[in-house]
Amino acid sequence: MLNNEKRYLISRFVNLIGNSIYNICIPLYLLEKFESLMITGAFFTLVQIPMVVLLPFIGSFLKNKNLKHTMLASNVISVVIFVMVFINEQFFSSSFILFMILTMLEKINVAIFNISSQSAFPILFEKKDIDEINSLKSVLDNFAALLGPTLGTVIYSKGGFSVVVGINILSFALCFLMLLHLKYIDKCGPSIQKKNKIKDIYEGLVYIKSNSNIMLLFLTFMILNFLVAPTENVFAPAIIKVIYKFSDSLFGLTSTAVSIGVITAGACMSIFKKKSNILYAFYTQSIIMIVTGILSLFLRGQPMIFFTIYIILCLLSGYSSTLVNVPMIGYFQKNVEIDQQTQFFSIMTLFSNIAVPLGTFIAGIMCELFGGDGAYLMNGIIMFIYLYIMRRDIEYNGWASPSNTVK
């Protein structure tokens, strides 16, 4: 008999595997159909816009809802959407406009599922177990992120896009069946729908601002996203491909190394049940960025030595980032009031979706001006300075201590 933790983790893993397979196949499908990178890029930009615009309202909509029912409904909607994608592919000559609309709807639906699944933690699990479950979730999420693209490319090359869509339908149906037996005791008050959604969003922002502990950690999390998130899409390609001119296969090893670091950290946190020191993990991340930038500047005559060291640094980066992300998410899940959870996580997701593209855009400009290694070095220094200035506040609020909870 599966307990709540196993049902939740397995259902989420099945859901993510399907999504990972599908997401890697979309650019392959579009490139095969249109043979245009511009159309592919425009597609990915356009399908994100409705989700980003609606994010604050999603939190307001989900407030005081039964989140198990929401997750179940989300999986049913995903099945319906992908059945329509399949029908569009088979019987409507693969209408591009209809495909784009359905993908937009699925992006919104995925956001609803993710916010619901994160916000349900304090209802589904005991507070003492949240960090351990988040660690296991991190392991499985990254394993799905590694396995999904590999399976996706093989399945797409052998069976085509319709088979990929069929696998997605199956994954969401299995996720639904797993979640159906999830034990859920609603701890929220009665659902009272506010007519003024804008006011509801404003109250969510006021809640974050009025809680100094949550506000400071929220701000620190956004700064981490702004400075570190561009690594995969900007800094790593700028250093590995542009400066050192390594092959695509060697470049791919960098992402694999980061994922292995993340999986290792999550497994260690789960097995040894040792709480991380968030402040030191932050410092480690900034030092890795600084060391990478310096070594890249001074080892250009020894490319393979640099690459070997860089792979080790990628492993450490994935490890240290997990020691930051898992306790921080757990902190929010344990300390944000239950009736504010959905609003909080929708606002956090919205700000992340602003911080990451903005940081990526600025990182691209910095790489043009200072080179990839110089820009990466500068971001690491900025992060280190911020941490040094804010270290007393971080220590005072307990995030540097093993408990990572409000005193």
Protein backbone atom coordinates (compact mmCIF):
# COMPACT_ATOMS: atom_id res chain seq x y z
CA MET A 1 0.00 0.00 0.00
CA LEU A 2 1.46 3.33 -1.07
CA ASN A 3 1.50 6.20 1.42
CA ASN A 4 0.82 9.84 0.61
CA GLU A 5 4.49 10.68 0.00
CA LYS A 6 4.98 7.86 -2.51
CA ARG A 7 1.69 8.57 -4.31
CA TYR A 8 2.57 12.24 -4.66
CA LEU A 9 6.16 11.67 -5.80
CA ILE A 10 5.34 8.88 -8.28
CA SER A 11 2.40 10.78 -9.78
CA ARG A 12 4.51 13.91 -10.20
CA PHE A 13 7.36 11.91 -11.77
CA VAL A 14 5.00 10.29 -14.29
CA ASN A 15 3.54 13.71 -15.10
CA LEU A 16 7.00 15.24 -15.60
CA ILE A 17 8.32 12.39 -17.78
CA GLY A 18 5.45 12.95 -20.21
CA ASN A 19 6.01 16.71 -20.18
CA SER A 20 9.78 16.35 -20.66
CA ILE A 21 9.31 14.03 -23.64
CA TYR A 22 6.79 16.41 -25.19
CA ASN A 23 8.79 19.61 -24.58
CA ILE A 24 11.95 18.27 -26.25
CA CYS A 25 9.92 17.17 -29.28
CA ILE A 26 8.14 20.49 -29.92
CA PRO A 27 11.21 22.23 -31.45
CA LEU A 28 11.99 19.07 -33.48
CA TYR A 29 8.41 19.03 -34.77
CA LEU A 30 8.36 22.74 -35.62
CA LEU A 31 11.75 22.63 -37.34
CA GLU A 32 10.69 19.63 -39.39
CA LYS A 33 7.43 21.34 -40.33
CA PHE A 34 8.67 24.89 -41.05
CA GLU A 35 12.47 24.63 -41.26
CA SER A 36 12.68 28.01 -39.54
CA LEU A 37 14.36 28.90 -36.25
CA MET A 38 12.56 32.25 -36.27
CA ILE A 39 9.12 30.58 -36.28
CA THR A 40 10.24 28.15 -33.58
CA GLY A 41 11.53 30.99 -31.38
CA ALA A 42 8.40 33.09 -31.95
CA PHE A 43 6.21 30.09 -31.06
CA PHE A 44 7.92 29.53 -27.70
CA THR A 45 7.70 33.24 -26.87
CA LEU A 46 4.02 33.58 -27.78
CA VAL A 47 2.79 30.47 -25.95
CA GLN A 48 4.33 31.71 -22.67
CA ILE A 49 2.61 35.13 -22.69
CA PRO A 50 -0.92 34.12 -21.52
CA MET A 51 0.50 31.99 -18.70
CA VAL A 52 2.74 34.80 -17.42
CA VAL A 53 -0.11 37.35 -17.58
CA LEU A 54 -2.52 35.05 -15.73
CA LEU A 55 -0.11 33.85 -13.02
CA PRO A 56 -1.19 36.34 -10.31
CA PHE A 57 -4.85 35.55 -11.00
CA ILE A 58 -4.20 31.79 -10.82
CA GLY A 59 -3.09 32.18 -7.20
CA SER A 60 -6.20 34.18 -6.39
CA PHE A 61 -8.42 31.63 -8.16
CA LEU A 62 -6.89 28.69 -6.25
CA LYS A 63 -7.08 30.36 -2.85
CA ASN A 64 -8.97 28.12 -0.37
CA LYS A 65 -9.73 25.59 -3.11
CA ASN A 66 -9.39 21.84 -2.57
CA LEU A 67 -5.98 21.42 -4.19
CA LYS A 68 -6.34 17.67 -4.69
CA HIS A 69 -9.43 18.32 -6.80
CA THR A 70 -7.53 21.03 -8.67
CA MET A 71 -4.64 18.66 -9.49
CA LEU A 72 -7.09 15.97 -10.63
CA ALA A 73 -8.97 18.45 -12.82
CA SER A 74 -5.66 19.68 -14.26
CA ASN A 75 -4.74 16.17 -15.38
CA VAL A 76 -8.16 15.66 -16.97
CA ILE A 77 -7.79 18.96 -18.83
CA SER A 78 -4.30 17.91 -20.01
CA VAL A 79 -5.73 14.65 -21.38
CA VAL A 80 -8.44 16.58 -23.24
CA ILE A 81 -5.90 19.08 -24.63
CA PHE A 82 -3.57 16.37 -25.90
CA VAL A 83 -6.45 14.39 -27.41
CA MET A 84 -7.26 17.59 -29.34
CA VAL A 85 -3.59 17.94 -30.34
CA PHE A 86 -3.71 14.35 -31.62
CA ILE A 87 -6.93 15.01 -33.56
CA ASN A 88 -5.44 18.22 -34.98
CA GLU A 89 -2.37 16.30 -36.14
CA GLN A 90 -4.35 13.42 -37.68
CA PHE A 91 -7.48 15.04 -39.13
CA PHE A 92 -6.96 18.81 -39.50
CA SER A 93 -3.70 18.84 -41.46
CA SER A 94 -1.90 19.99 -38.31
CA SER A 95 -3.30 23.53 -38.07
CA PHE A 96 -0.51 25.70 -36.68
CA ILE A 97 -2.89 28.25 -35.10
CA LEU A 98 -4.89 25.52 -33.32
CA PHE A 99 -1.65 23.87 -32.16
CA MET A 100 -0.44 27.19 -30.73
CA ILE A 101 -3.75 27.83 -28.92
CA LEU A 102 -3.75 24.33 -27.41
CA THR A 103 -0.12 24.76 -26.29
CA MET A 104 -1.02 28.10 -24.66
CA LEU A 105 -3.86 26.41 -22.76
CA GLU A 106 -1.56 23.60 -21.66
CA LYS A 107 1.06 26.09 -20.39
CA ILE A 108 -1.63 27.75 -18.24
CA ASN A 109 -2.83 24.34 -17.05
CA VAL A 110 0.73 23.25 -16.14
CA ALA A 111 1.12 26.46 -14.09
CA ILE A 112 -2.10 25.63 -12.22
CA PHE A 113 -0.87 22.08 -11.51
CA ASN A 114 2.58 23.24 -10.33
CA ILE A 115 1.20 25.94 -8.01
CA SER A 116 -1.39 23.52 -6.61
CA SER A 117 1.16 20.75 -6.03
CA GLN A 118 3.60 23.11 -4.27
CA SER A 119 0.90 24.76 -2.16
CA ALA A 120 -0.57 21.41 -1.07
CA PHE A 121 2.57 20.39 0.88
CA PRO A 122 1.49 21.70 4.31
CA ILE A 123 -1.86 19.94 3.84
CA LEU A 124 -0.54 16.63 2.54
CA PHE A 125 2.54 16.23 4.75
CA GLU A 126 3.73 16.87 8.29
CA LYS A 127 6.01 19.90 8.66
CA LYS A 128 8.88 17.73 9.89
CA ASP A 129 8.77 15.70 6.66
CA ILE A 130 8.57 18.56 4.14
CA ASP A 131 12.33 19.04 3.65
CA GLU A 132 12.92 15.32 3.11
CA ILE A 133 10.05 15.08 0.60
CA ASN A 134 11.31 18.17 -1.22
CA SER A 135 14.73 16.51 -1.46
CA LEU A 136 13.22 13.37 -3.01
CA LYS A 137 11.11 15.54 -5.31
CA SER A 138 14.28 17.32 -6.47
CA VAL A 139 15.93 13.96 -7.25
CA LEU A 140 12.95 12.69 -9.25
CA ASP A 141 12.36 16.02 -11.01
CA ASN A 142 15.93 16.11 -12.26
CA PHE A 143 15.92 12.42 -13.16
CA ALA A 144 12.82 13.11 -15.27
CA ALA A 145 14.58 16.12 -16.82
CA LEU A 146 17.52 13.87 -17.76
CA LEU A 147 15.50 10.86 -18.92
CA GLY A 148 12.71 12.72 -20.72
CA PRO A 149 14.74 14.39 -23.49
CA THR A 150 16.66 11.16 -24.20
CA LEU A 151 13.44 9.13 -24.50
CA GLY A 152 11.75 11.95 -26.40
CA THR A 153 14.29 12.14 -29.21
CA VAL A 154 14.29 8.34 -29.64
CA ILE A 155 10.49 8.08 -29.61
CA TYR A 156 10.10 11.02 -32.01
CA SER A 157 12.63 9.61 -34.47
CA LYS A 158 11.01 6.14 -34.40
CA GLY A 159 7.30 6.91 -34.01
CA GLY A 160 6.74 10.56 -34.87
CA PHE A 161 4.89 13.36 -33.11
CA SER A 162 1.57 11.49 -32.74
CA VAL A 163 3.23 8.76 -30.67
CA VAL A 164 4.76 11.42 -28.40
CA VAL A 165 1.31 12.97 -27.90
CA GLY A 166 -0.13 9.53 -27.13
CA ILE A 167 2.51 8.95 -24.44
CA ASN A 168 1.58 12.30 -22.90
CA ILE A 169 -2.09 11.30 -22.76
CA LEU A 170 -1.08 8.08 -21.01
CA SER A 171 1.19 9.87 -18.52
CA PHE A 172 -1.54 12.32 -17.47
CA ALA A 173 -4.10 9.50 -17.15
CA LEU A 174 -1.70 7.53 -14.89
CA CYS A 175 -0.98 10.67 -12.84
CA PHE A 176 -4.76 11.14 -12.39
CA LEU A 177 -5.18 7.57 -11.12
CA MET A 178 -2.31 8.00 -8.63
CA LEU A 179 -3.63 11.31 -7.30
CA LEU A 180 -7.16 9.91 -7.00
CA HIS A 181 -6.13 7.92 -3.91
CA LEU A 182 -4.14 10.76 -2.30
CA LYS A 183 -5.29 11.41 1.28
CA TYR A 184 -6.20 15.07 1.57
CA ILE A 185 -7.62 16.76 4.66
CA ASP A 186 -8.64 20.31 3.79
CA LYS A 187 -7.20 22.68 6.41
CA CYS A 188 -8.39 25.88 4.74
CA GLY A 189 -11.47 27.77 5.75
CA PRO A 190 -14.58 27.88 3.59
CA SER A 191 -13.95 29.10 0.05
CA ILE A 192 -15.01 32.72 -0.26
CA GLN A 193 -14.56 34.05 -3.77
CA LYS A 194 -13.60 37.71 -3.91
CA LYS A 195 -15.07 39.68 -6.75
CA ASN A 196 -12.07 41.98 -6.98
CA LYS A 197 -9.18 39.74 -8.06
CA ILE A 198 -6.82 42.72 -8.35
CA LYS A 199 -7.41 43.50 -4.69
CA ASP A 200 -6.77 39.85 -3.81
CA ILE A 201 -3.41 39.98 -5.64
CA TYR A 202 -2.55 43.25 -3.88
CA GLU A 203 -3.29 41.63 -0.51
CA GLY A 204 -0.91 38.81 -1.45
CA LEU A 205 1.87 41.32 -2.14
CA VAL A 206 1.09 43.12 1.12
CA TYR A 207 1.31 39.78 2.97
CA ILE A 208 4.81 39.16 1.58
CA LYS A 209 5.93 42.72 2.34
CA SER A 210 4.54 42.66 5.90
CA ASN A 211 6.46 39.46 6.78
CA SER A 212 10.09 40.60 6.89
CA ASN A 213 11.52 37.05 7.09
CA ILE A 214 9.57 35.89 4.04
CA MET A 215 10.18 39.16 2.17
CA LEU A 216 13.96 39.02 2.55
CA LEU A 217 14.20 35.36 1.52
CA PHE A 218 11.82 36.04 -1.38
CA LEU A 219 14.05 38.90 -2.55
CA THR A 220 17.19 36.77 -2.17
CA PHE A 221 15.58 33.98 -4.20
CA MET A 222 14.79 36.43 -7.03
CA ILE A 223 18.35 37.76 -7.00
CA LEU A 224 19.64 34.18 -7.23
CA ASN A 225 17.38 33.61 -10.25
CA PHE A 226 18.52 36.86 -11.86
CA LEU A 227 22.24 36.20 -11.45
CA VAL A 228 22.53 32.39 -11.73
CA ALA A 229 19.69 31.27 -14.03
CA PRO A 230 21.35 32.64 -17.22
CA THR A 231 24.20 30.13 -16.76
CA GLU A 232 22.65 27.33 -18.84
CA ASN A 233 21.44 29.44 -21.78
CA VAL A 234 24.02 32.25 -21.89
CA PHE A 235 27.15 31.92 -19.74
CA ALA A 236 27.89 28.22 -20.37
CA PRO A 237 27.50 28.48 -24.18
CA ALA A 238 29.51 31.72 -24.19
CA ILE A 239 32.40 30.07 -22.34
CA ILE A 240 32.32 26.51 -23.69
CA LYS A 241 31.22 27.15 -27.29
CA VAL A 242 32.31 30.72 -28.11
CA ILE A 243 35.56 31.10 -26.14
CA TYR A 244 36.85 27.51 -26.03
CA LYS A 245 35.01 26.21 -29.15
CA PHE A 246 34.27 22.78 -27.69
CA SER A 247 31.96 20.37 -29.54
CA ASP A 248 28.20 20.11 -28.93
CA SER A 249 28.66 16.73 -27.23
CA LEU A 250 31.14 18.16 -24.72
CA PHE A 251 28.86 21.14 -24.15
CA GLY A 252 26.01 18.73 -23.40
CA LEU A 253 28.09 17.17 -20.62
CA THR A 254 27.92 20.44 -18.66
CA SER A 255 24.12 20.21 -18.24
CA THR A 256 24.43 16.53 -17.38
CA ALA A 257 27.02 17.35 -14.72
CA VAL A 258 24.74 19.97 -13.14
CA SER A 259 21.82 17.51 -13.08
CA ILE A 260 24.01 14.82 -11.48
CA GLY A 261 25.03 17.36 -8.82
CA VAL A 262 21.37 18.20 -8.15
CA ILE A 263 20.36 14.52 -7.93
CA THR A 264 23.31 13.74 -5.63
CA ALA A 265 22.47 16.63 -3.29
CA GLY A 266 18.80 15.68 -3.14
CA ALA A 267 19.67 12.04 -2.43
CA CYS A 268 22.15 13.01 0.31
CA MET A 269 19.65 15.35 1.97
CA SER A 270 17.03 12.60 1.90
CA ILE A 271 19.27 9.76 3.10
CA PHE A 272 21.24 11.61 5.77
CA LYS A 273 18.40 14.00 6.69
CA LYS A 274 20.92 16.75 7.27
CA LYS A 275 19.69 20.33 6.99
CA SER A 276 21.79 22.59 4.79
CA ASN A 277 23.16 25.98 5.74
CA ILE A 278 21.54 28.24 3.15
CA LEU A 279 23.98 31.12 3.67
CA TYR A 280 27.02 28.90 3.08
CA ALA A 281 25.34 27.29 0.06
CA PHE A 282 24.74 30.77 -1.37
CA TYR A 283 28.38 31.67 -0.78
CA THR A 284 29.49 28.42 -2.44
CA GLN A 285 27.44 29.22 -5.55
CA SER A 286 28.93 32.72 -5.84
CA ILE A 287 32.49 31.38 -5.31
CA ILE A 288 31.96 28.75 -8.04
CA MET A 289 30.97 31.53 -10.46
CA ILE A 290 34.01 33.62 -9.51
CA VAL A 291 36.44 30.69 -9.76
CA THR A 292 34.97 29.64 -13.13
CA GLY A 293 35.41 33.14 -14.55
CA ILE A 294 39.00 33.46 -13.30
CA LEU A 295 40.06 30.00 -14.52
CA SER A 296 38.49 30.62 -17.94
CA LEU A 297 40.51 33.84 -18.28
CA PHE A 298 43.82 32.20 -17.32
CA LEU A 299 43.55 28.69 -18.81
CA ARG A 300 42.75 29.49 -22.42
CA GLY A 301 46.01 27.88 -23.48
CA GLN A 302 45.04 24.66 -21.64
CA PRO A 303 41.46 23.99 -22.82
CA MET A 304 41.14 20.36 -21.64
CA ILE A 305 42.46 21.21 -18.18
CA PHE A 306 39.87 23.99 -17.97
CA PHE A 307 37.08 21.70 -19.23
CA THR A 308 37.90 19.01 -16.66
CA ILE A 309 37.83 21.56 -13.83
CA TYR A 310 34.67 23.15 -15.27
CA ILE A 311 32.79 19.81 -15.21
CA ILE A 312 33.73 19.41 -11.53
CA LEU A 313 32.51 22.98 -10.86
CA CYS A 314 29.24 22.18 -12.68
CA LEU A 315 28.74 19.19 -10.36
CA LEU A 316 29.39 21.42 -7.34
CA SER A 317 27.09 24.11 -8.74
CA GLY A 318 24.21 21.65 -9.10
CA TYR A 319 24.91 20.34 -5.60
CA SER A 320 25.07 23.78 -3.94
CA SER A 321 22.03 25.16 -5.79
CA THR A 322 19.97 22.26 -4.44
CA LEU A 323 21.17 23.05 -0.91
CA VAL A 324 19.66 26.50 -1.50
CA ASN A 325 16.48 25.69 -3.44
CA VAL A 326 15.14 22.73 -1.45
CA PRO A 327 15.32 24.36 2.04
CA MET A 328 14.00 27.67 0.69
CA ILE A 329 10.94 26.10 -0.91
CA GLY A 330 10.43 24.07 2.27
CA TYR A 331 10.74 27.26 4.35
CA PHE A 332 7.97 28.91 2.34
CA GLN A 333 5.75 25.81 2.50
CA LYS A 334 6.15 25.60 6.27
CA ASN A 335 5.90 29.29 7.16
CA VAL A 336 3.53 30.92 4.68
CA GLU A 337 -0.02 30.64 6.03
CA ILE A 338 -2.04 27.88 4.37
CA ASP A 339 -4.69 30.23 2.99
CA GLN A 340 -1.90 32.34 1.40
CA GLN A 341 0.04 29.46 -0.16
CA THR A 342 -1.48 29.52 -3.66
CA GLN A 343 -1.30 33.31 -3.89
CA PHE A 344 2.29 33.32 -2.65
CA PHE A 345 3.55 30.64 -5.05
CA SER A 346 1.78 32.24 -8.01
CA ILE A 347 3.45 35.58 -7.19
CA MET A 348 6.81 33.84 -6.71
CA THR A 349 6.44 32.06 -10.06
CA LEU A 350 5.48 35.34 -11.75
CA PHE A 351 8.52 37.17 -10.38
CA SER A 352 10.77 34.23 -11.33
CA ASN A 353 9.38 34.36 -14.87
CA ILE A 354 10.32 38.05 -14.95
CA ALA A 355 13.71 37.74 -13.21
CA VAL A 356 15.02 34.84 -15.32
CA PRO A 357 14.35 36.33 -18.81
CA LEU A 358 15.51 39.76 -17.63
CA GLY A 359 18.68 38.27 -16.16
CA THR A 360 19.23 36.26 -19.35
CA PHE A 361 18.78 39.36 -21.52
CA ILE A 362 21.23 41.43 -19.44
CA ALA A 363 23.67 38.49 -19.31
CA GLY A 364 23.68 38.40 -23.11
CA ILE A 365 24.57 42.10 -23.25
CA MET A 366 27.30 41.62 -20.62
CA CYS A 367 28.78 38.71 -22.60
CA GLU A 368 28.96 40.89 -25.68
CA LEU A 369 30.73 43.64 -23.71
CA PHE A 370 33.02 41.66 -21.38
CA GLY A 371 33.09 38.11 -22.77
CA GLY A 372 31.33 35.11 -21.24
CA ASP A 373 33.90 34.49 -18.53
CA GLY A 374 34.22 38.15 -17.58
CA ALA A 375 30.42 38.53 -17.32
CA TYR A 376 30.10 35.32 -15.27
CA LEU A 377 32.86 36.53 -12.95
CA MET A 378 31.06 39.86 -12.47
CA ASN A 379 27.74 38.17 -11.61
CA GLY A 380 29.53 35.98 -9.07
CA ILE A 381 31.14 39.03 -7.44
CA ILE A 382 27.80 40.89 -7.32
CA MET A 383 26.18 37.89 -5.65
CA PHE A 384 29.03 37.56 -3.13
CA ILE A 385 28.82 41.26 -2.21
CA TYR A 386 25.03 41.04 -1.76
CA LEU A 387 25.41 38.03 0.55
CA TYR A 388 28.14 39.72 2.56
CA ILE A 389 26.00 42.84 3.06
CA MET A 390 22.90 40.81 3.99
CA ARG A 391 24.67 38.09 5.98
CA ARG A 392 23.58 39.38 9.41
CA ASP A 393 19.93 39.53 8.34
CA ILE A 394 20.15 36.00 6.92
CA GLU A 395 21.79 34.69 10.10
CA TYR A 396 19.35 36.64 12.32
CA ASN A 397 16.32 35.14 10.55
CA GLY A 398 17.58 31.62 11.13
CA TRP A 399 18.27 30.57 7.52
CA ALA A 400 21.90 29.86 8.32
CA SER A 401 20.91 27.55 11.15
CA PRO A 402 20.03 23.88 10.74
CA SER A 403 16.32 24.40 11.41
CA ASN A 404 15.56 26.82 8.56
CA THR A 405 12.30 27.74 10.24
CA VAL A 406 10.96 30.84 11.91
CA LYS A 407 11.93 31.07 15.53
